[in-house]
Amino acid sequence: MLYLIEQTEENTRIAGEKNMVLDYPDGKLAFKYGYRTLSYQVYDKLAIVDHGAIVDNKSLGEVLKLAKIQQDERERGGKRERSKKMPKQRTQARIQEQLKPINPVLANPEEFRISLKR
C-alpha cells in the first residue's frame, strides 16, 4: 500500500520533510505535519489491473474467478496485510510522553504554527 499526500501548495513546501503517521487501534491512519492533518489517498499496488491482458466477454467469468482465487491466496499468505514492523501503540505513547518536556510542539500542539518559508 502507498499513501499519497494530496498535492496542495502548502503540501508541496513540505516535500522531503518527515511527517507523523498516527496508527489508531481501530485501523484508521492519520498523517500530520506540525499542527496540520494531511489529507491522503490510498494507492493499492496489488489492485492494479493488467490492461495488456484483454479478455473477451465469453471468458470474463472464468478470469474473474481466477482473480478472486489469486486475491484470496495473497491474503492468506499475508501479502496484503500492513507491516508488522510498526511499534506498538503503548510504545508510541510512552515515547511521546518522554519527548513532551523537550519538544514544545508536543507539549502544546495547538499553539504551534508552521512557517511556510523554507
C-alpha atoms as a PDB file:
ATOM      1  CA  MET A   1       0.000   0.000   0.000  1.00  0.00           C
ATOM      2  CA  LEU A   2       1.171   3.504  -0.775  1.00  0.00           C
ATOM      3  CA  TYR A   3      -0.280   6.574   0.884  1.00  0.00           C
ATOM      4  CA  LEU A   4      -0.196   9.651  -1.333  1.00  0.00           C
ATOM      5  CA  ILE A   5      -0.440  13.056   0.340  1.00  0.00           C
ATOM      6  CA  GLU A   6      -2.674  15.337  -1.720  1.00  0.00           C
ATOM      7  CA  GLN A   7      -0.786  17.940  -3.703  1.00  0.00           C
ATOM      8  CA  THR A   8      -1.618  21.393  -2.437  1.00  0.00           C
ATOM      9  CA  GLU A   9       0.551  24.499  -2.292  1.00  0.00           C
ATOM     10  CA  GLU A  10       1.210  24.006   1.420  1.00  0.00           C
ATOM     11  CA  ASN A  11       1.977  20.311   0.990  1.00  0.00           C
ATOM     12  CA  THR A  12       4.490  20.888  -1.807  1.00  0.00           C
ATOM     13  CA  ARG A  13       6.539  23.002   0.615  1.00  0.00           C
ATOM     14  CA  ILE A  14       6.951  20.064   2.981  1.00  0.00           C
ATOM     15  CA  ALA A  15       8.148  17.614   0.317  1.00  0.00           C
ATOM     16  CA  GLY A  16      11.028  15.607   1.722  1.00  0.00           C
ATOM     17  CA  GLU A  17      10.187  16.529   5.328  1.00  0.00           C
ATOM     18  CA  LYS A  18       9.293  13.960   7.964  1.00  0.00           C
ATOM     19  CA  ASN A  19       5.602  13.617   8.758  1.00  0.00           C
ATOM     20  CA  MET A  20       3.969  11.950  11.725  1.00  0.00           C
ATOM     21  CA  VAL A  21       1.861   8.879  10.989  1.00  0.00           C
ATOM     22  CA  LEU A  22      -0.807   8.101  13.570  1.00  0.00           C
ATOM     23  CA  ASP A  23      -1.942   4.481  13.576  1.00  0.00           C
ATOM     24  CA  TYR A  24      -5.107   4.160  15.654  1.00  0.00           C
ATOM     25  CA  PRO A  25      -6.184   0.855  17.278  1.00  0.00           C
ATOM     26  CA  ASP A  26      -9.291   0.706  15.088  1.00  0.00           C
ATOM     27  CA  GLY A  27      -7.049   0.536  11.983  1.00  0.00           C
ATOM     28  CA  LYS A  28      -7.535   4.171  10.954  1.00  0.00           C
ATOM     29  CA  LEU A  29      -4.481   6.144   9.845  1.00  0.00           C
ATOM     30  CA  ALA A  30      -3.802   9.877  10.047  1.00  0.00           C
ATOM     31  CA  PHE A  31      -0.868  11.851   8.687  1.00  0.00           C
ATOM     32  CA  LYS A  32       0.241  15.056  10.422  1.00  0.00           C
ATOM     33  CA  TYR A  33       2.841  17.692   9.809  1.00  0.00           C
ATOM     34  CA  GLY A  34       3.075  20.009  12.779  1.00  0.00           C
ATOM     35  CA  TYR A  35      -0.457  21.012  13.698  1.00  0.00           C
ATOM     36  CA  ARG A  36      -1.951  20.161  10.288  1.00  0.00           C
ATOM     37  CA  THR A  37      -3.669  16.920   9.410  1.00  0.00           C
ATOM     38  CA  LEU A  38      -2.741  15.967   5.868  1.00  0.00           C
ATOM     39  CA  SER A  39      -5.346  14.508   3.546  1.00  0.00           C
ATOM     40  CA  TYR A  40      -4.222  11.486   1.569  1.00  0.00           C
ATOM     41  CA  GLN A  41      -5.276   8.822  -0.883  1.00  0.00           C
ATOM     42  CA  VAL A  42      -4.549   5.104  -0.690  1.00  0.00           C
ATOM     43  CA  TYR A  43      -2.874   3.506  -3.684  1.00  0.00           C
ATOM     44  CA  ASP A  44      -3.049  -0.281  -3.562  1.00  0.00           C
ATOM     45  CA  LYS A  45      -0.382  -1.722  -5.850  1.00  0.00           C
ATOM     46  CA  LEU A  46      -1.991  -5.161  -5.656  1.00  0.00           C
ATOM     47  CA  ALA A  47      -5.281  -3.836  -7.024  1.00  0.00           C
ATOM     48  CA  ILE A  48      -3.737  -2.689 -10.317  1.00  0.00           C
ATOM     49  CA  VAL A  49      -5.287  -4.433 -13.306  1.00  0.00           C
ATOM     50  CA  ASP A  50      -3.050  -5.511 -16.155  1.00  0.00           C
ATOM     51  CA  HIS A  51      -4.617  -3.664 -19.076  1.00  0.00           C
ATOM     52  CA  GLY A  52      -2.447  -5.582 -21.524  1.00  0.00           C
ATOM     53  CA  ALA A  53      -4.460  -8.755 -20.945  1.00  0.00           C
ATOM     54  CA  ILE A  54      -7.662  -8.345 -22.929  1.00  0.00           C
ATOM     55  CA  VAL A  55     -10.394 -10.864 -22.290  1.00  0.00           C
ATOM     56  CA  ASP A  56     -13.404 -11.458 -24.476  1.00  0.00           C
ATOM     57  CA  ASN A  57     -16.853 -11.461 -22.872  1.00  0.00           C
ATOM     58  CA  LYS A  58     -17.278 -15.242 -23.096  1.00  0.00           C
ATOM     59  CA  SER A  59     -14.361 -15.986 -20.742  1.00  0.00           C
ATOM     60  CA  LEU A  60     -14.757 -12.997 -18.424  1.00  0.00           C
ATOM     61  CA  GLY A  61     -16.464 -15.049 -15.690  1.00  0.00           C
ATOM     62  CA  GLU A  62     -13.579 -17.540 -15.602  1.00  0.00           C
ATOM     63  CA  VAL A  63     -10.988 -14.756 -15.452  1.00  0.00           C
ATOM     64  CA  LEU A  64     -12.834 -13.090 -12.563  1.00  0.00           C
ATOM     65  CA  LYS A  65     -12.899 -16.400 -10.670  1.00  0.00           C
ATOM     66  CA  LEU A  66      -9.143 -16.755 -11.209  1.00  0.00           C
ATOM     67  CA  ALA A  67      -8.550 -13.205  -9.982  1.00  0.00           C
ATOM     68  CA  LYS A  68     -10.618 -13.896  -6.849  1.00  0.00           C
ATOM     69  CA  ILE A  69      -8.611 -17.062  -6.151  1.00  0.00           C
ATOM     70  CA  GLN A  70      -5.323 -15.156  -6.533  1.00  0.00           C
ATOM     71  CA  GLN A  71      -6.515 -12.380  -4.189  1.00  0.00           C
ATOM     72  CA  ASP A  72      -7.548 -14.941  -1.581  1.00  0.00           C
ATOM     73  CA  GLU A  73      -4.144 -16.632  -1.818  1.00  0.00           C
ATOM     74  CA  ARG A  74      -2.366 -13.299  -1.304  1.00  0.00           C
ATOM     75  CA  GLU A  75      -4.492 -12.513   1.746  1.00  0.00           C
ATOM     76  CA  ARG A  76      -3.805 -15.956   3.251  1.00  0.00           C
ATOM     77  CA  GLY A  77      -0.092 -15.562   2.525  1.00  0.00           C
ATOM     78  CA  GLY A  78      -0.012 -12.216   4.348  1.00  0.00           C
ATOM     79  CA  LYS A  79       0.934 -10.205   1.271  1.00  0.00           C
ATOM     80  CA  ARG A  80      -1.979  -7.798   1.612  1.00  0.00           C
ATOM     81  CA  GLU A  81      -1.532  -7.010   5.306  1.00  0.00           C
ATOM     82  CA  ARG A  82       0.073  -3.988   6.863  1.00  0.00           C
ATOM     83  CA  SER A  83       3.626  -4.112   8.084  1.00  0.00           C
ATOM     84  CA  LYS A  84       4.272  -5.871  11.388  1.00  0.00           C
ATOM     85  CA  LYS A  85       7.410  -3.773  11.967  1.00  0.00           C
ATOM     86  CA  MET A  86       5.497  -0.778  13.315  1.00  0.00           C
ATOM     87  CA  PRO A  87       5.922  -0.089  17.048  1.00  0.00           C
ATOM     88  CA  LYS A  88       3.044  -0.878  19.364  1.00  0.00           C
ATOM     89  CA  GLN A  89       0.632   1.886  20.420  1.00  0.00           C
ATOM     90  CA  ARG A  90       1.852   1.736  24.039  1.00  0.00           C
ATOM     91  CA  THR A  91       5.431   2.288  22.936  1.00  0.00           C
ATOM     92  CA  GLN A  92       4.451   5.252  20.782  1.00  0.00           C
ATOM     93  CA  ALA A  93       2.500   6.848  23.638  1.00  0.00           C
ATOM     94  CA  ARG A  94       5.369   6.321  26.095  1.00  0.00           C
ATOM     95  CA  ILE A  95       7.878   7.904  23.710  1.00  0.00           C
ATOM     96  CA  GLN A  96       5.521  10.853  23.088  1.00  0.00           C
ATOM     97  CA  GLU A  97       5.298  11.451  26.841  1.00  0.00           C
ATOM     98  CA  GLN A  98       9.090  11.310  27.160  1.00  0.00           C
ATOM     99  CA  LEU A  99       9.520  13.851  24.354  1.00  0.00           C
ATOM    100  CA  LYS A 100       6.960  16.390  25.623  1.00  0.00           C
ATOM    101  CA  PRO A 101       9.332  18.149  28.072  1.00  0.00           C
ATOM    102  CA  ILE A 102      11.941  18.793  25.382  1.00  0.00           C
ATOM    103  CA  ASN A 103       9.670  19.437  22.389  1.00  0.00           C
ATOM    104  CA  PRO A 104       7.284  22.405  22.714  1.00  0.00           C
ATOM    105  CA  VAL A 105       5.272  21.233  19.696  1.00  0.00           C
ATOM    106  CA  LEU A 106       4.275  18.042  21.504  1.00  0.00           C
ATOM    107  CA  ALA A 107       3.558  19.870  24.758  1.00  0.00           C
ATOM    108  CA  ASN A 108       1.191  22.446  23.170  1.00  0.00           C
ATOM    109  CA  PRO A 109       0.384  21.441  19.581  1.00  0.00           C
ATOM    110  CA  GLU A 110      -2.486  23.945  19.305  1.00  0.00           C
ATOM    111  CA  GLU A 111      -0.031  26.829  19.824  1.00  0.00           C
ATOM    112  CA  PHE A 112       2.382  25.621  17.145  1.00  0.00           C
ATOM    113  CA  ARG A 113       2.084  27.300  13.753  1.00  0.00           C
ATOM    114  CA  ILE A 114       4.213  26.255  10.799  1.00  0.00           C
ATOM    115  CA  SER A 115       6.183  28.760   8.803  1.00  0.00           C
ATOM    116  CA  LEU A 116       5.599  28.426   5.087  1.00  0.00           C
ATOM    117  CA  LYS A 117       9.094  29.722   4.352  1.00  0.00           C
ATOM    118  CA  ARG A 118      11.918  27.299   3.614  1.00  0.00           C
END
